[in-house]
C-alpha atoms as a PDB file:
ATOM      1  CA  MET A   1      32.503  61.475-169.882  1.00  0.00           C
ATOM      2  CA  THR A   2      34.546  58.255-169.972  1.00  0.00           C
ATOM      3  CA  THR A   3      36.280  58.450-173.385  1.00  0.00           C
ATOM      4  CA  THR A   4      37.880  61.090-175.581  1.00  0.00           C
ATOM      5  CA  GLU A   5      37.897  60.912-179.383  1.00  0.00           C
ATOM      6  CA  ASP A   6      40.382  62.946-181.458  1.00  0.00           C
ATOM      7  CA  SER A   7      39.544  64.513-184.806  1.00  0.00           C
ATOM      8  CA  SER A   8      41.880  62.223-186.780  1.00  0.00           C
ATOM      9  CA  GLY A   9      39.604  59.249-186.336  1.00  0.00           C
ATOM     10  CA  ASP A  10      42.035  57.279-184.167  1.00  0.00           C
ATOM     11  CA  ALA A  11      40.711  54.844-181.627  1.00  0.00           C
ATOM     12  CA  GLU A  12      39.044  56.239-178.541  1.00  0.00           C
ATOM     13  CA  LEU A  13      41.359  57.074-175.650  1.00  0.00           C
ATOM     14  CA  PRO A  14      40.678  55.879-172.102  1.00  0.00           C
ATOM     15  CA  ALA A  15      39.364  58.470-169.677  1.00  0.00           C
ATOM     16  CA  ASP A  16      42.699  58.755-167.895  1.00  0.00           C
ATOM     17  CA  GLY A  17      44.347  59.791-171.160  1.00  0.00           C
ATOM     18  CA  PHE A  18      47.042  57.100-170.943  1.00  0.00           C
ATOM     19  CA  VAL A  19      48.002  55.233-174.100  1.00  0.00           C
ATOM     20  CA  PRO A  20      51.236  53.246-174.039  1.00  0.00           C
ATOM     21  CA  SER A  21      52.685  54.533-177.275  1.00  0.00           C
ATOM     22  CA  SER A  22      55.371  57.111-177.993  1.00  0.00           C
ATOM     23  CA  ARG A  23      53.197  58.774-180.652  1.00  0.00           C
ATOM     24  CA  SER A  24      50.378  59.412-178.195  1.00  0.00           C
ATOM     25  CA  GLY A  25      52.847  60.566-175.553  1.00  0.00           C
ATOM     26  CA  GLY A  26      54.240  63.071-178.021  1.00  0.00           C
ATOM     27  CA  ARG A  27      50.765  64.484-178.598  1.00  0.00           C
ATOM     28  CA  LEU A  28      50.211  64.837-174.857  1.00  0.00           C
ATOM     29  CA  ALA A  29      53.499  66.631-174.131  1.00  0.00           C
ATOM     30  CA  PRO A  30      52.374  70.044-175.467  1.00  0.00           C
ATOM     31  CA  PHE A  31      49.246  69.879-173.313  1.00  0.00           C
ATOM     32  CA  VAL A  32      51.301  69.066-170.234  1.00  0.00           C
ATOM     33  CA  ALA A  33      53.595  72.003-170.984  1.00  0.00           C
ATOM     34  CA  LEU A  34      50.560  74.232-171.511  1.00  0.00           C
ATOM     35  CA  GLY A  35      49.135  73.182-168.156  1.00  0.00           C
ATOM     36  CA  VAL A  36      52.399  73.979-166.403  1.00  0.00           C
ATOM     37  CA  ALA A  37      52.550  77.381-168.112  1.00  0.00           C
ATOM     38  CA  ILE A  38      48.964  78.195-167.122  1.00  0.00           C
ATOM     39  CA  GLY A  39      49.737  77.244-163.523  1.00  0.00           C
ATOM     40  CA  ALA A  40      52.807  79.465-163.485  1.00  0.00           C
ATOM     41  CA  ILE A  41      50.859  82.389-164.937  1.00  0.00           C
ATOM     42  CA  GLY A  42      48.149  81.879-162.331  1.00  0.00           C
ATOM     43  CA  LEU A  43      50.715  82.009-159.545  1.00  0.00           C
ATOM     44  CA  ILE A  44      52.212  85.224-160.934  1.00  0.00           C
ATOM     45  CA  VAL A  45      48.749  86.817-161.157  1.00  0.00           C
ATOM     46  CA  LEU A  46      48.050  85.750-157.578  1.00  0.00           C
ATOM     47  CA  LEU A  47      51.277  87.297-156.328  1.00  0.00           C
ATOM     48  CA  ILE A  48      50.746  90.517-158.260  1.00  0.00           C
ATOM     49  CA  GLY A  49      47.177  90.752-157.006  1.00  0.00           C
ATOM     50  CA  ALA A  50      48.129  90.154-153.357  1.00  0.00           C
ATOM     51  CA  ASP A  51      47.181  93.062-151.172  1.00  0.00           C
ATOM     52  CA  PRO A  52      50.368  94.521-149.642  1.00  0.00           C
ATOM     53  CA  ASN A  53      48.163  96.323-147.122  1.00  0.00           C
ATOM     54  CA  ALA A  54      46.427  93.193-145.871  1.00  0.00           C
ATOM     55  CA  PRO A  55      45.914  93.361-142.091  1.00  0.00           C
ATOM     56  CA  ALA A  56      47.995  91.273-139.749  1.00  0.00           C
ATOM     57  CA  LYS A  57      46.794  87.812-138.887  1.00  0.00           C
ATOM     58  CA  VAL A  58      47.284  85.947-135.650  1.00  0.00           C
ATOM     59  CA  ALA A  59      49.798  83.192-136.317  1.00  0.00           C
ATOM     60  CA  GLN A  60      50.500  80.062-134.315  1.00  0.00           C
ATOM     61  CA  SER A  61      53.946  79.027-133.161  1.00  0.00           C
ATOM     62  CA  PRO A  62      55.333  76.374-130.822  1.00  0.00           C
ATOM     63  CA  LEU A  63      57.021  79.275-129.029  1.00  0.00           C
ATOM     64  CA  ILE A  64      53.730  80.711-127.792  1.00  0.00           C
ATOM     65  CA  GLY A  65      53.266  79.981-124.107  1.00  0.00           C
ATOM     66  CA  ASN A  66      56.956  79.157-123.745  1.00  0.00           C
ATOM     67  CA  PRO A  67      60.021  81.187-122.787  1.00  0.00           C
ATOM     68  CA  ALA A  68      61.306  83.359-125.608  1.00  0.00           C
ATOM     69  CA  PRO A  69      64.304  81.884-127.404  1.00  0.00           C
ATOM     70  CA  GLU A  70      67.783  83.135-126.640  1.00  0.00           C
ATOM     71  CA  SER A  71      68.104  86.430-128.468  1.00  0.00           C
ATOM     72  CA  VAL A  72      71.399  88.268-128.269  1.00  0.00           C
ATOM     73  CA  GLY A  73      72.514  91.069-130.545  1.00  0.00           C
ATOM     74  CA  GLU A  74      73.562  94.677-130.681  1.00  0.00           C
ATOM     75  CA  LEU A  75      71.540  97.868-130.610  1.00  0.00           C
ATOM     76  CA  ASP A  76      72.027 100.573-133.196  1.00  0.00           C
ATOM     77  CA  ASP A  77      74.087 102.594-130.729  1.00  0.00           C
ATOM     78  CA  GLY A  78      76.520  99.710-130.303  1.00  0.00           C
ATOM     79  CA  THR A  79      75.365  98.539-126.870  1.00  0.00           C
ATOM     80  CA  PRO A  80      74.622  94.836-126.330  1.00  0.00           C
ATOM     81  CA  PHE A  81      71.063  93.520-126.463  1.00  0.00           C
ATOM     82  CA  ASP A  82      69.936  90.427-124.566  1.00  0.00           C
ATOM     83  CA  LEU A  83      66.218  89.697-124.568  1.00  0.00           C
ATOM     84  CA  SER A  84      66.481  87.621-121.405  1.00  0.00           C
ATOM     85  CA  ARG A  85      67.580  90.770-119.545  1.00  0.00           C
ATOM     86  CA  ARG A  86      64.358  92.549-120.481  1.00  0.00           C
ATOM     87  CA  LYS A  87      62.294  90.475-118.041  1.00  0.00           C
ATOM     88  CA  GLY A  88      60.077  92.656-115.926  1.00  0.00           C
ATOM     89  CA  SER A  89      58.887  94.601-118.958  1.00  0.00           C
ATOM     90  CA  TRP A  90      56.477  93.916-121.759  1.00  0.00           C
ATOM     91  CA  VAL A  91      58.511  93.596-124.943  1.00  0.00           C
ATOM     92  CA  VAL A  92      57.316  93.914-128.530  1.00  0.00           C
ATOM     93  CA  LEU A  93      59.640  92.732-131.294  1.00  0.00           C
ATOM     94  CA  ASN A  94      58.911  93.856-134.836  1.00  0.00           C
ATOM     95  CA  PHE A  95      60.921  91.984-137.474  1.00  0.00           C
ATOM     96  CA  PHE A  96      61.678  94.514-140.152  1.00  0.00           C
ATOM     97  CA  GLN A  97      63.515  95.348-143.365  1.00  0.00           C
ATOM     98  CA  SER A  98      63.793  98.899-144.685  1.00  0.00           C
ATOM     99  CA  SER A  99      62.898  97.969-148.285  1.00  0.00           C
ATOM    100  CA  CYS A 100      59.879  95.818-147.323  1.00  0.00           C
ATOM    101  CA  ILE A 101      56.737  97.517-148.658  1.00  0.00           C
ATOM    102  CA  PRO A 102      54.401  96.289-145.888  1.00  0.00           C
ATOM    103  CA  CYS A 103      57.029  97.339-143.316  1.00  0.00           C
ATOM    104  CA  ILE A 104      57.030 100.827-144.782  1.00  0.00           C
ATOM    105  CA  ALA A 105      53.234 100.917-144.829  1.00  0.00           C
ATOM    106  CA  GLU A 106      52.860  99.879-141.169  1.00  0.00           C
ATOM    107  CA  HIS A 107      55.580 102.223-139.888  1.00  0.00           C
ATOM    108  CA  PRO A 108      53.252 105.138-138.974  1.00  0.00           C
ATOM    109  CA  GLU A 109      51.222 102.719-136.853  1.00  0.00           C
ATOM    110  CA  LEU A 110      54.370 101.653-135.032  1.00  0.00           C
ATOM    111  CA  VAL A 111      55.230 105.293-134.367  1.00  0.00           C
ATOM    112  CA  GLU A 112      51.765 105.764-132.880  1.00  0.00           C
ATOM    113  CA  PHE A 113      52.058 102.595-130.786  1.00  0.00           C
ATOM    114  CA  VAL A 114      55.407 103.640-129.329  1.00  0.00           C
ATOM    115  CA  ASP A 115      53.924 107.044-128.471  1.00  0.00           C
ATOM    116  CA  GLN A 116      50.962 105.344-126.755  1.00  0.00           C
ATOM    117  CA  GLN A 117      53.267 103.160-124.676  1.00  0.00           C
ATOM    118  CA  ALA A 118      55.465 106.115-123.708  1.00  0.00           C
ATOM    119  CA  GLN A 119      52.411 107.782-122.171  1.00  0.00           C
ATOM    120  CA  LEU A 120      51.987 104.760-119.875  1.00  0.00           C
ATOM    121  CA  GLY A 121      55.352 105.350-118.252  1.00  0.00           C
ATOM    122  CA  THR A 122      56.863 102.261-116.646  1.00  0.00           C
ATOM    123  CA  ASP A 123      53.747 100.254-117.540  1.00  0.00           C
ATOM    124  CA  GLY A 124      54.370 100.777-121.248  1.00  0.00           C
ATOM    125  CA  ALA A 125      55.882  98.097-123.457  1.00  0.00           C
ATOM    126  CA  GLU A 126      59.417  98.288-124.778  1.00  0.00           C
ATOM    127  CA  PHE A 127      59.541  98.214-128.579  1.00  0.00           C
ATOM    128  CA  TYR A 128      62.384  97.010-130.790  1.00  0.00           C
ATOM    129  CA  SER A 129      62.806  96.674-134.542  1.00  0.00           C
ATOM    130  CA  VAL A 130      64.705  93.457-135.225  1.00  0.00           C
ATOM    131  CA  VAL A 131      66.592  94.123-138.447  1.00  0.00           C
ATOM    132  CA  THR A 132      66.348  91.250-140.928  1.00  0.00           C
ATOM    133  CA  GLY A 133      68.515  91.021-144.041  1.00  0.00           C
ATOM    134  CA  ASP A 134      69.450  94.681-144.020  1.00  0.00           C
ATOM    135  CA  THR A 135      72.326  97.049-143.304  1.00  0.00           C
ATOM    136  CA  ARG A 136      72.800  99.712-140.666  1.00  0.00           C
ATOM    137  CA  GLU A 137      73.158 102.362-143.368  1.00  0.00           C
ATOM    138  CA  ASN A 138      69.807 101.475-144.924  1.00  0.00           C
ATOM    139  CA  VAL A 139      68.042 101.287-141.582  1.00  0.00           C
ATOM    140  CA  ASP A 140      69.505 104.591-140.352  1.00  0.00           C
ATOM    141  CA  ALA A 141      68.397 106.290-143.574  1.00  0.00           C
ATOM    142  CA  PHE A 142      64.920 104.780-143.226  1.00  0.00           C
ATOM    143  CA  PHE A 143      64.393 106.043-139.683  1.00  0.00           C
ATOM    144  CA  GLU A 144      65.789 109.448-140.546  1.00  0.00           C
ATOM    145  CA  GLU A 145      63.251 109.771-143.359  1.00  0.00           C
ATOM    146  CA  GLU A 146      60.242 108.006-141.804  1.00  0.00           C
ATOM    147  CA  GLY A 147      60.656 108.912-138.137  1.00  0.00           C
ATOM    148  CA  GLY A 148      60.681 106.722-135.068  1.00  0.00           C
ATOM    149  CA  ASP A 149      63.151 106.838-132.187  1.00  0.00           C
ATOM    150  CA  TRP A 150      63.033 103.304-130.780  1.00  0.00           C
ATOM    151  CA  PRO A 151      66.023 100.942-130.855  1.00  0.00           C
ATOM    152  CA  ALA A 152      66.898  98.711-133.764  1.00  0.00           C
ATOM    153  CA  VAL A 153      68.477  95.332-132.982  1.00  0.00           C
ATOM    154  CA  TYR A 154      71.083  93.631-135.150  1.00  0.00           C
ATOM    155  CA  SER A 155      72.243  90.047-134.751  1.00  0.00           C
ATOM    156  CA  GLU A 156      75.009  88.204-136.541  1.00  0.00           C
ATOM    157  CA  GLY A 157      73.556  86.110-139.358  1.00  0.00           C
ATOM    158  CA  ASP A 158      70.054  87.280-138.355  1.00  0.00           C
ATOM    159  CA  GLN A 159      70.229  84.821-135.452  1.00  0.00           C
ATOM    160  CA  ILE A 160      67.255  86.374-133.653  1.00  0.00           C
ATOM    161  CA  THR A 161      65.120  86.149-136.780  1.00  0.00           C
ATOM    162  CA  VAL A 162      66.081  82.503-137.177  1.00  0.00           C
ATOM    163  CA  ALA A 163      65.415  81.734-133.512  1.00  0.00           C
ATOM    164  CA  PHE A 164      61.848  83.025-133.822  1.00  0.00           C
ATOM    165  CA  GLY A 165      61.271  81.190-137.106  1.00  0.00           C
ATOM    166  CA  VAL A 166      60.464  84.342-139.052  1.00  0.00           C
ATOM    167  CA  ALA A 167      60.421  83.666-142.794  1.00  0.00           C
ATOM    168  CA  GLN A 168      58.858  86.876-144.070  1.00  0.00           C
ATOM    169  CA  VAL A 169      58.697  90.379-142.634  1.00  0.00           C
ATOM    170  CA  PRO A 170      56.930  92.133-141.100  1.00  0.00           C
ATOM    171  CA  GLU A 171      56.197  89.966-138.106  1.00  0.00           C
ATOM    172  CA  THR A 172      55.462  91.220-134.608  1.00  0.00           C
ATOM    173  CA  TRP A 173      55.771  89.291-131.349  1.00  0.00           C
ATOM    174  CA  ILE A 174      54.600  90.144-127.841  1.00  0.00           C
ATOM    175  CA  ILE A 175      56.562  88.869-124.841  1.00  0.00           C
ATOM    176  CA  ASP A 176      55.296  89.277-121.294  1.00  0.00           C
ATOM    177  CA  PRO A 177      57.321  90.433-118.257  1.00  0.00           C
ATOM    178  CA  GLN A 178      58.097  86.831-117.329  1.00  0.00           C
ATOM    179  CA  GLY A 179      59.818  86.356-120.674  1.00  0.00           C
ATOM    180  CA  THR A 180      57.019  84.188-122.105  1.00  0.00           C
ATOM    181  CA  VAL A 181      55.964  84.523-125.725  1.00  0.00           C
ATOM    182  CA  GLN A 182      52.303  85.522-125.772  1.00  0.00           C
ATOM    183  CA  ALA A 183      51.387  86.479-129.346  1.00  0.00           C
ATOM    184  CA  ARG A 184      52.608  86.473-132.924  1.00  0.00           C
ATOM    185  CA  PHE A 185      51.270  88.562-135.802  1.00  0.00           C
ATOM    186  CA  GLN A 186      52.191  88.113-139.453  1.00  0.00           C
ATOM    187  CA  GLY A 187      51.722  91.117-141.737  1.00  0.00           C
ATOM    188  CA  GLU A 188      50.985  94.735-140.946  1.00  0.00           C
ATOM    189  CA  VAL A 189      49.873  95.578-137.430  1.00  0.00           C
ATOM    190  CA  THR A 190      48.149  98.666-136.106  1.00  0.00           C
ATOM    191  CA  ALA A 191      48.786 100.612-132.934  1.00  0.00           C
ATOM    192  CA  ASP A 192      45.363  99.732-131.567  1.00  0.00           C
ATOM    193  CA  LEU A 193      45.789  96.034-132.349  1.00  0.00           C
ATOM    194  CA  LEU A 194      49.004  95.867-130.341  1.00  0.00           C
ATOM    195  CA  SER A 195      47.730  97.983-127.452  1.00  0.00           C
ATOM    196  CA  ILE A 196      44.466  96.073-127.145  1.00  0.00           C
ATOM    197  CA  THR A 197      46.215  92.709-127.383  1.00  0.00           C
ATOM    198  CA  ILE A 198      48.664  93.601-124.621  1.00  0.00           C
ATOM    199  CA  GLN A 199      45.812  94.796-122.402  1.00  0.00           C
ATOM    200  CA  GLN A 200      43.858  91.589-123.009  1.00  0.00           C
ATOM    201  CA  ILE A 201      46.886  89.487-122.142  1.00  0.00           C
ATOM    202  CA  ARG A 202      47.483  91.546-119.000  1.00  0.00           C
ATOM    203  CA  GLU A 203      43.932  90.864-117.856  1.00  0.00           C
ATOM    204  CA  SER A 204      44.161  87.160-118.645  1.00  0.00           C
ATOM    205  CA  LEU A 205      47.314  86.814-116.542  1.00  0.00           C
ATOM    206  CA  ARG A 206      45.852  88.459-113.446  1.00  0.00           C
END
């Protein structure tokens, strides 16, 4: 269709809908507003319909294959944390907030993963929850209710979260014993996903 004719008998409008007159522009304004409103409603429906239990996806990052960024903070018991001093061990960082629904949903899987790694002894990965936009009180209450006995890491101004470029939790990163970033997952992870991924990376580095 190349023209549009309105019911008032006015002249035909060009296909692009542009007529250089204020009267025609006034008629078009409500339709523009309606289009914007429909778009906004569509976005809201999309967000409401998003599956909070969607599985994690492998995400790219310029950090992968490179040394992990400087990450200094404090553990929940008050002792210092420096990621660079964890070389020699596999390290898994899970960026977390106690009120985050997907974080809550994945928590049992993290408990299982930490148990799996503990059974491997010194070959098991170290696991840390990197607290993002949360308080110690909230996090302590969360772990007391949900379980889990691994360390939580706090950094001033969420510096560790910023250094890794994390915009939305949960995110989980795997760092090898040389301090190199090997994998990044956005969304909920499972114990098996993390364990299998670490084993695959181990084999690829041999």
